[in-house]
Each structure stands twice: as structure tokens, then as C-alpha cells.
């Protein structure tokens, strides 16, 4: 009995062999502990499926084992193996979705991730929350995309409850639409609330937003334009172009991040209604058209100085 107890303790707690390579084992959905043990023995992770199953049922708890692809090491303690199976500590891939990535590129990025199943089409614009997501190896891309969209719904619901009285949007859909414009207008996080305030002022005053990213979106579906906007594109009334239409575009032009949504729902309070690039990656803001024209002249001089 002492010898058996010593053997049990050793097998349960031992460390992997030095320099042992990782052995991948796929545990199918719904597999029993006995079926998992057979797969572990076949892969060379354990040397007795019968002994592993007996100890697992004797020393383990009532939790079910989880499906997925695992990475075990030769000589790894059986207690560690069982705990990881029950915790679902599978091998994963990480999928970063940066702020402002349009849906067509979300689909491209997700479809390019290896070791996932199936393909996805581009989701509706503005329905994916930018973040870094984890997926189990062998998981379907469609399920991963559903999690991305559920995260956006949850985040939007959370922030909507905290919205300021100063916001110009009247619905969650409008919040995403305006946040997407803010996201595309600046790469400077410190400007988001100010730009959200500027567009809020324009909406409240009945001024057209005249946001360049809304001109580009119908042309490229959110991808970079790689050239200057044409006059014909500024005049095109296509449902998105805010030079040619009043109010908000008919839909989002990208997938905005948490901070841009927050900026739209709690914009900075000020009197700015104009902005132009300032040559440093940010913008110069103005309250009057005359001030704006002076800022535009400075920007044009900067461009001339740079040979643009």
C-alpha cells in the first residue's frame, strides 16, 4: 500500500522531463475521461490510460473535461494534466483587432489566422469591438466573430447607460456612427473628446459634418485611399458623404474602439466647429470661419514647405 501510494503521489505531482517537447493532443467535444485517457496514451503523454482514468475518477473532482487542442509534455504529472483538461487550458491563438479596422479587414485578418475552422464574410460595419481576442485551436472563425460582436453590444450597452447630457446622438446606432468618424479623424487619443464635441456642435447647429473619412468609405470600404479625394467624390451623394448630405452617414464607416465611443457619449464642451490638420499629427481648431481660414493657410504653407 505504501509503495502504491508513493507511486500515485509521484505520478500525480511529477514535473515534465527536462527538455521535453510539447505534444499536442486534440480532445473532441463530449469525450469522456476514458476516451481522453486513450488519446493521451496514444500520443505518448501517459503510459497507461487505465491507470490514469482510475486515478482521475478517484482523485479528481466532478467537473467535466473540456474539448480542444492541448499541449502536454512527456513526463508531466497526471494531476496537472487532469486539471488542465478540466480547466480547458487549451492551446490558443491571439487575434488583435485594432481600433478603426473596417469590417472588410476584420474578416481578412480573421480568415488569415491559422488553425481555426471555416471562413467568415465581412460583418456589418461597426459591430465588432476592437480588442485582442483569444481563440481555441480548431475553433470556428464564425464563433470567434460572434464573440467580437457580442463584445461590442455589451460595451455599447454599458457606455450608453453612462452617456452625458451633452451628447448629440439619440441612439446607440448613432453613437457608433459618430464614434466611427471620430476614430478615423484622429490618431491622437487626446483629441477624441474635442473632435466629438466639434461634431456634436455641428449636428446641433444643423451644419454638415464635412468629414473626409465619410467621403473615402464608399470608395474603399474603409481601406486607405492612397491618393487625394477627387472633387467628384466630394459631390457624390451616396448615403455616407457628409459633404453632400445633412446629419450623420447612413451607417458606420469603421469599427470604433471604446475610447471613441466614450468620447461621443461624453464630448468635450466647447464652441469649436472647424478643424484642420496642424502638421504634427493633430488638428488646429477654430470657432469662426475666419479663424479656420487662417489655420488652413498655415496648413497649406506647411504642405508647400514639405514639397507636397
Protein backbone atom coordinates (compact mmCIF):
# COMPACT_ATOMS: atom_id res chain seq x y z
CA UNK A 1 0.00 0.00 0.00
CA UNK A 2 2.85 2.37 0.85
CA UNK A 3 4.53 1.60 -2.44
CA UNK A 4 1.28 2.18 -4.34
CA UNK A 5 0.70 5.44 -2.50
CA UNK A 6 4.23 6.60 -3.28
CA UNK A 7 3.76 5.70 -6.96
CA UNK A 8 0.45 7.55 -7.04
CA UNK A 9 1.94 10.68 -5.46
CA UNK A 10 4.88 10.57 -7.84
CA UNK A 11 2.75 10.19 -10.96
CA UNK A 12 0.33 12.89 -9.81
CA UNK A 13 2.85 15.60 -8.97
CA UNK A 14 5.95 14.95 -11.06
CA UNK A 15 7.48 17.61 -13.30
CA UNK A 16 7.94 17.16 -17.07
CA UNK A 17 11.22 15.66 -18.27
CA UNK A 18 13.98 18.26 -18.85
CA UNK A 19 13.91 19.45 -22.44
CA UNK A 20 10.70 17.56 -23.19
CA UNK A 21 8.96 18.67 -26.37
CA UNK A 22 5.34 19.69 -26.39
CA UNK A 23 2.91 17.03 -27.54
CA UNK A 24 -0.35 18.25 -28.99
CA UNK A 25 -3.48 16.25 -28.28
CA UNK A 26 -6.95 17.10 -29.59
CA UNK A 27 -9.76 16.18 -27.24
CA UNK A 28 -13.08 16.09 -29.14
CA UNK A 29 -16.25 17.69 -27.84
CA UNK A 30 -18.13 15.35 -25.50
CA UNK A 31 -15.19 12.99 -24.87
CA UNK A 32 -15.29 11.01 -21.62
CA UNK A 33 -12.33 10.80 -19.27
CA UNK A 34 -11.69 7.28 -20.55
CA UNK A 35 -11.67 8.41 -24.17
CA UNK A 36 -9.37 11.30 -23.32
CA UNK A 37 -7.04 8.90 -21.49
CA UNK A 38 -6.85 6.66 -24.56
CA UNK A 39 -5.88 9.64 -26.71
CA UNK A 40 -3.25 10.73 -24.18
CA UNK A 41 -1.69 7.27 -24.13
CA UNK A 42 -1.73 7.00 -27.92
CA UNK A 43 0.09 10.36 -28.15
CA UNK A 44 2.72 9.27 -25.61
CA UNK A 45 1.72 11.74 -22.90
CA UNK A 46 0.89 8.98 -20.41
CA UNK A 47 1.86 5.31 -20.40
CA UNK A 48 -1.35 3.78 -19.02
CA UNK A 49 -4.81 5.03 -19.92
CA UNK A 50 -6.42 2.58 -17.44
CA UNK A 51 -4.32 3.85 -14.50
CA UNK A 52 -4.87 7.49 -15.49
CA UNK A 53 -8.64 7.01 -15.70
CA UNK A 54 -8.74 5.23 -12.35
CA UNK A 55 -6.74 7.96 -10.61
CA UNK A 56 -8.72 10.68 -12.34
CA UNK A 57 -12.01 9.25 -11.11
CA UNK A 58 -10.59 8.66 -7.62
CA UNK A 59 -8.64 11.86 -7.06
CA UNK A 60 -10.36 14.27 -9.43
CA UNK A 61 -13.46 16.40 -8.86
CA UNK A 62 -16.84 16.37 -10.62
CA UNK A 63 -16.01 18.91 -13.32
CA UNK A 64 -16.23 17.70 -16.91
CA UNK A 65 -13.19 17.78 -19.15
CA UNK A 66 -13.18 20.43 -21.89
CA UNK A 67 -12.71 19.86 -25.59
CA UNK A 68 -9.92 21.48 -27.58
CA UNK A 69 -6.28 21.09 -28.57
CA UNK A 70 -3.87 20.82 -25.64
CA UNK A 71 -0.11 20.98 -25.35
CA UNK A 72 1.29 18.45 -22.86
CA UNK A 73 4.86 17.39 -22.11
CA UNK A 74 6.31 13.91 -21.70
CA UNK A 75 6.62 13.10 -18.02
CA UNK A 76 4.14 15.79 -16.94
CA UNK A 77 2.33 14.97 -13.72
CA UNK A 78 -1.06 13.38 -14.21
CA UNK A 79 -2.64 15.75 -11.72
CA UNK A 80 -1.50 18.69 -13.81
CA UNK A 81 -2.81 17.03 -16.97
CA UNK A 82 -6.23 16.36 -15.45
CA UNK A 83 -6.52 19.86 -14.01
CA UNK A 84 -5.75 21.41 -17.38
CA UNK A 85 -8.30 19.18 -19.09
CA UNK A 86 -10.98 20.24 -16.63
CA UNK A 87 -10.00 23.92 -16.73
CA UNK A 88 -9.98 23.95 -20.52
CA UNK A 89 -6.38 25.17 -20.63
CA UNK A 90 -6.11 24.62 -24.37
CA UNK A 91 -3.65 25.98 -26.89
CA UNK A 92 -4.87 29.32 -28.21
CA UNK A 93 -4.24 31.84 -30.93
CA UNK A 94 -4.46 35.58 -30.28
CA UNK A 95 -6.20 37.85 -32.77
CA UNK A 96 -5.58 41.59 -32.39
CA UNK A 97 -8.27 43.85 -33.86
CA UNK A 98 -7.00 47.45 -33.67
CA UNK A 99 -9.27 50.47 -33.28
CA UNK A 100 -10.60 51.74 -36.58
CA UNK A 101 -10.16 48.49 -38.52
CA UNK A 102 -13.02 48.32 -41.06
CA UNK A 103 -15.08 45.16 -41.24
CA UNK A 104 -13.68 44.04 -44.57
CA UNK A 105 -10.25 43.93 -42.96
CA UNK A 106 -11.57 42.29 -39.79
CA UNK A 107 -12.74 39.40 -41.97
CA UNK A 108 -9.44 39.31 -43.87
CA UNK A 109 -7.46 39.23 -40.63
CA UNK A 110 -9.64 36.55 -39.05
CA UNK A 111 -9.56 34.37 -42.18
CA UNK A 112 -5.76 34.64 -42.29
CA UNK A 113 -5.34 33.26 -38.75
CA UNK A 114 -4.20 29.66 -38.97
CA UNK A 115 -5.55 26.61 -37.13
CA UNK A 116 -9.14 27.86 -37.00
CA UNK A 117 -12.05 26.36 -38.91
CA UNK A 118 -14.22 27.80 -41.66
CA UNK A 119 -14.23 31.24 -43.25
CA UNK A 120 -16.25 34.37 -42.50
CA UNK A 121 -17.68 37.17 -44.58
CA UNK A 122 -17.23 40.80 -43.57
CA UNK A 123 -19.65 41.55 -40.71
CA UNK A 124 -21.85 44.63 -40.64
CA UNK A 125 -19.68 47.71 -40.19
CA UNK A 126 -19.42 48.94 -36.63
CA UNK A 127 -20.50 45.66 -35.00
CA UNK A 128 -17.04 44.46 -33.88
CA UNK A 129 -15.34 45.77 -30.74
CA UNK A 130 -11.61 46.33 -31.32
CA UNK A 131 -9.59 44.28 -28.82
CA UNK A 132 -7.24 41.30 -28.72
CA UNK A 133 -9.23 38.07 -28.76
CA UNK A 134 -8.21 34.54 -27.86
CA UNK A 135 -9.49 31.51 -29.75
CA UNK A 136 -9.00 27.82 -29.16
CA UNK A 137 -7.11 26.00 -31.86
CA UNK A 138 -9.73 24.29 -34.01
CA UNK A 139 -12.46 26.76 -33.03
CA UNK A 140 -14.64 28.09 -35.84
CA UNK A 141 -13.95 31.58 -37.10
CA UNK A 142 -17.69 32.22 -37.10
CA UNK A 143 -17.81 31.63 -33.33
CA UNK A 144 -14.86 33.97 -32.79
CA UNK A 145 -16.59 36.66 -34.83
CA UNK A 146 -19.76 36.23 -32.78
CA UNK A 147 -17.72 36.91 -29.62
CA UNK A 148 -16.28 40.05 -31.19
CA UNK A 149 -19.76 41.29 -31.99
CA UNK A 150 -21.17 40.33 -28.60
CA UNK A 151 -18.33 42.33 -27.01
CA UNK A 152 -19.39 45.41 -28.97
CA UNK A 153 -23.02 45.01 -27.94
CA UNK A 154 -22.03 44.65 -24.28
CA UNK A 155 -19.64 47.62 -24.37
CA UNK A 156 -22.16 49.85 -26.11
CA UNK A 157 -24.90 48.92 -23.63
CA UNK A 158 -22.55 49.69 -20.73
CA UNK A 159 -21.47 53.07 -22.05
CA UNK A 160 -24.95 54.12 -23.17
CA UNK A 161 -26.13 53.96 -19.57
CA UNK A 162 -23.42 56.48 -18.63
CA UNK A 163 -23.96 58.93 -21.50
CA UNK A 164 -23.70 62.65 -20.83
CA UNK A 165 -26.45 65.18 -21.40
CA UNK A 166 -24.08 66.88 -23.84
CA UNK A 167 -24.06 64.05 -26.37
CA UNK A 168 -25.68 64.85 -29.71
CA UNK A 169 -26.59 61.25 -30.58
CA UNK A 170 -30.07 59.92 -29.89
CA UNK A 171 -29.48 56.17 -30.10
CA UNK A 172 -26.78 53.54 -29.75
CA UNK A 173 -26.67 53.17 -33.52
CA UNK A 174 -26.00 56.89 -33.90
CA UNK A 175 -23.30 56.63 -31.23
CA UNK A 176 -21.43 54.00 -33.25
CA UNK A 177 -21.81 56.01 -36.47
CA UNK A 178 -20.37 59.19 -34.96
CA UNK A 179 -17.70 57.30 -32.98
CA UNK A 180 -16.51 55.70 -36.21
CA UNK A 181 -15.96 59.16 -37.72
CA UNK A 182 -14.07 60.32 -34.63
CA UNK A 183 -11.95 57.15 -34.77
CA UNK A 184 -10.93 57.81 -38.38
CA UNK A 185 -10.36 61.54 -37.92
CA UNK A 186 -7.51 61.37 -35.43
CA UNK A 187 -4.66 59.17 -34.33
CA UNK A 188 -4.20 61.29 -31.21
CA UNK A 189 -6.23 59.87 -28.29
CA UNK A 190 -6.16 63.22 -26.51
CA UNK A 191 -8.18 64.80 -29.35
CA UNK A 192 -11.09 62.37 -29.38
CA UNK A 193 -13.39 64.19 -26.96
CA UNK A 194 -12.62 67.56 -28.56
CA UNK A 195 -13.42 66.26 -32.05
CA UNK A 196 -16.54 64.55 -30.72
CA UNK A 197 -17.53 67.91 -29.24
CA UNK A 198 -16.91 69.65 -32.56
CA UNK A 199 -19.13 67.24 -34.47
CA UNK A 200 -21.74 67.43 -31.73
CA UNK A 201 -21.79 71.22 -32.15
CA UNK A 202 -22.22 70.88 -35.90
CA UNK A 203 -25.08 68.42 -35.53
CA UNK A 204 -26.86 70.62 -33.01
CA UNK A 205 -26.42 73.70 -35.22
CA UNK A 206 -27.57 71.94 -38.39
CA UNK A 207 -24.15 72.23 -40.05
CA UNK A 208 -22.93 69.46 -42.32
CA UNK A 209 -20.18 67.37 -40.74
CA UNK A 210 -17.91 67.54 -43.82
CA UNK A 211 -15.76 64.68 -42.58
CA UNK A 212 -13.28 63.40 -45.17
CA UNK A 213 -13.39 59.76 -43.96
CA UNK A 214 -17.09 59.61 -44.90
CA UNK A 215 -16.11 60.51 -48.47
CA UNK A 216 -13.46 57.79 -48.61
CA UNK A 217 -15.51 54.93 -47.15
CA UNK A 218 -17.85 54.32 -50.12
CA UNK A 219 -14.80 54.27 -52.42
CA UNK A 220 -12.60 51.84 -50.46
CA UNK A 221 -14.91 50.26 -47.84
CA UNK A 222 -12.60 51.67 -45.19
CA UNK A 223 -9.23 50.80 -46.65
CA UNK A 224 -6.68 53.61 -47.24
CA UNK A 225 -7.43 55.72 -50.32
CA UNK A 226 -3.72 56.16 -51.23
CA UNK A 227 -4.47 59.39 -53.10
CA UNK A 228 -6.20 62.74 -52.65
CA UNK A 229 -10.00 62.93 -52.65
CA UNK A 230 -11.46 63.91 -56.01
CA UNK A 231 -13.96 66.73 -56.46
CA UNK A 232 -16.45 64.25 -57.93
CA UNK A 233 -16.20 62.20 -54.74
CA UNK A 234 -16.85 65.26 -52.58
CA UNK A 235 -20.05 65.87 -54.55
CA UNK A 236 -21.28 62.27 -54.58
CA UNK A 237 -24.46 61.74 -52.55
CA UNK A 238 -24.09 58.05 -51.72
CA UNK A 239 -25.52 57.87 -48.22
CA UNK A 240 -22.15 58.36 -46.49
CA UNK A 241 -20.62 61.55 -47.85
CA UNK A 242 -21.20 64.22 -45.20
CA UNK A 243 -20.19 66.97 -47.62
CA UNK A 244 -23.25 66.10 -49.72
CA UNK A 245 -25.77 65.23 -47.01
CA UNK A 246 -27.01 66.67 -43.74
CA UNK A 247 -26.58 64.86 -40.45
CA UNK A 248 -24.90 61.52 -39.91
CA UNK A 249 -23.98 59.00 -42.60
CA UNK A 250 -26.37 56.10 -43.16
CA UNK A 251 -24.08 53.78 -41.22
CA UNK A 252 -20.67 53.41 -39.55
CA UNK A 253 -17.51 53.75 -41.63
CA UNK A 254 -15.35 51.54 -39.41
CA UNK A 255 -15.32 49.68 -36.09
CA UNK A 256 -14.69 52.30 -33.39
CA UNK A 257 -12.90 51.50 -30.16
CA UNK A 258 -14.03 52.00 -26.58
CA UNK A 259 -12.44 55.45 -26.26
CA UNK A 260 -14.06 56.87 -29.37
CA UNK A 261 -17.46 55.61 -28.24
CA UNK A 262 -16.85 57.16 -24.83
CA UNK A 263 -15.85 60.46 -26.47
CA UNK A 264 -19.09 60.64 -28.45
CA UNK A 265 -21.22 59.83 -25.41
CA UNK A 266 -19.37 62.38 -23.26
CA UNK A 267 -17.96 65.00 -25.66
CA UNK A 268 -15.84 67.95 -24.64
CA UNK A 269 -17.96 71.08 -24.22
CA UNK A 270 -16.62 73.98 -26.31
CA UNK A 271 -17.58 76.28 -29.22
CA UNK A 272 -15.34 74.80 -31.93
CA UNK A 273 -17.00 73.98 -35.26
CA UNK A 274 -13.96 73.87 -37.59
CA UNK A 275 -10.70 71.92 -37.65
CA UNK A 276 -7.81 71.30 -40.00
CA UNK A 277 -4.56 69.35 -39.73
CA UNK A 278 -1.81 71.22 -37.89
CA UNK A 279 1.21 69.39 -39.31
CA UNK A 280 2.06 67.50 -36.12
CA UNK A 281 -0.46 64.68 -36.46
CA UNK A 282 -3.13 66.65 -34.66
CA UNK A 283 -5.58 69.41 -35.56
CA UNK A 284 -5.99 73.14 -35.21
CA UNK A 285 -9.48 74.05 -34.00
CA UNK A 286 -11.48 77.19 -34.67
CA UNK A 287 -14.75 78.77 -33.53
CA UNK A 288 -15.23 81.02 -36.57
CA UNK A 289 -14.76 80.60 -40.31
CA UNK A 290 -12.18 83.39 -40.33
CA UNK A 291 -10.07 81.61 -37.70
CA UNK A 292 -10.44 78.40 -39.67
CA UNK A 293 -9.25 80.04 -42.90
CA UNK A 294 -6.13 81.26 -41.09
CA UNK A 295 -5.47 77.73 -39.85
CA UNK A 296 -6.00 76.36 -43.37
CA UNK A 297 -3.47 78.87 -44.74
CA UNK A 298 -0.92 77.68 -42.16
CA UNK A 299 -1.55 74.05 -43.14
CA UNK A 300 -1.14 74.81 -46.84
CA UNK A 301 2.16 76.54 -46.11
CA UNK A 302 3.33 73.51 -44.15
CA UNK A 303 2.46 71.31 -47.13
CA UNK A 304 4.36 73.62 -49.50
CA UNK A 305 7.37 73.60 -47.19
CA UNK A 306 7.31 69.81 -47.27
CA UNK A 307 7.07 69.74 -51.03
CA UNK A 308 3.56 68.30 -51.07
